[in-house]
């Protein structure tokens, strides 16, 4: 029964693999410029400074001259982040940006 199902699925799927692509494809045009008043402000772009401290690498992230995040990469170990969450200059350590939100993933059917 299983073999018959596999053969039937292959018979349906194989013609789709051999289908010709359209030959008159053209590249997508460049996007238009933003409307007036919506230009990007270079002062809001994050500035990253990479420092070597001993064997560790420290990346400082700043916006408008204000330090908001540090990424510390030890020579042997996982990187961790120091983040100023409230803007008061006090950094809190985070191992990753994974906040632990996991949707349930149950197996409904398998064969």
Foldseek 3Di string as FASTA:
>chain_A
DVVVVVVVVCVVPVVVVPDDDDPPDDDDDDDDDDDPPPDDDPLQDWDWDWDCDPQKIKIFTDHNNQTAKIWIDHNDDQIKMWGDPPSPPHTDIDRDPDPPDDDDDDDPDDD
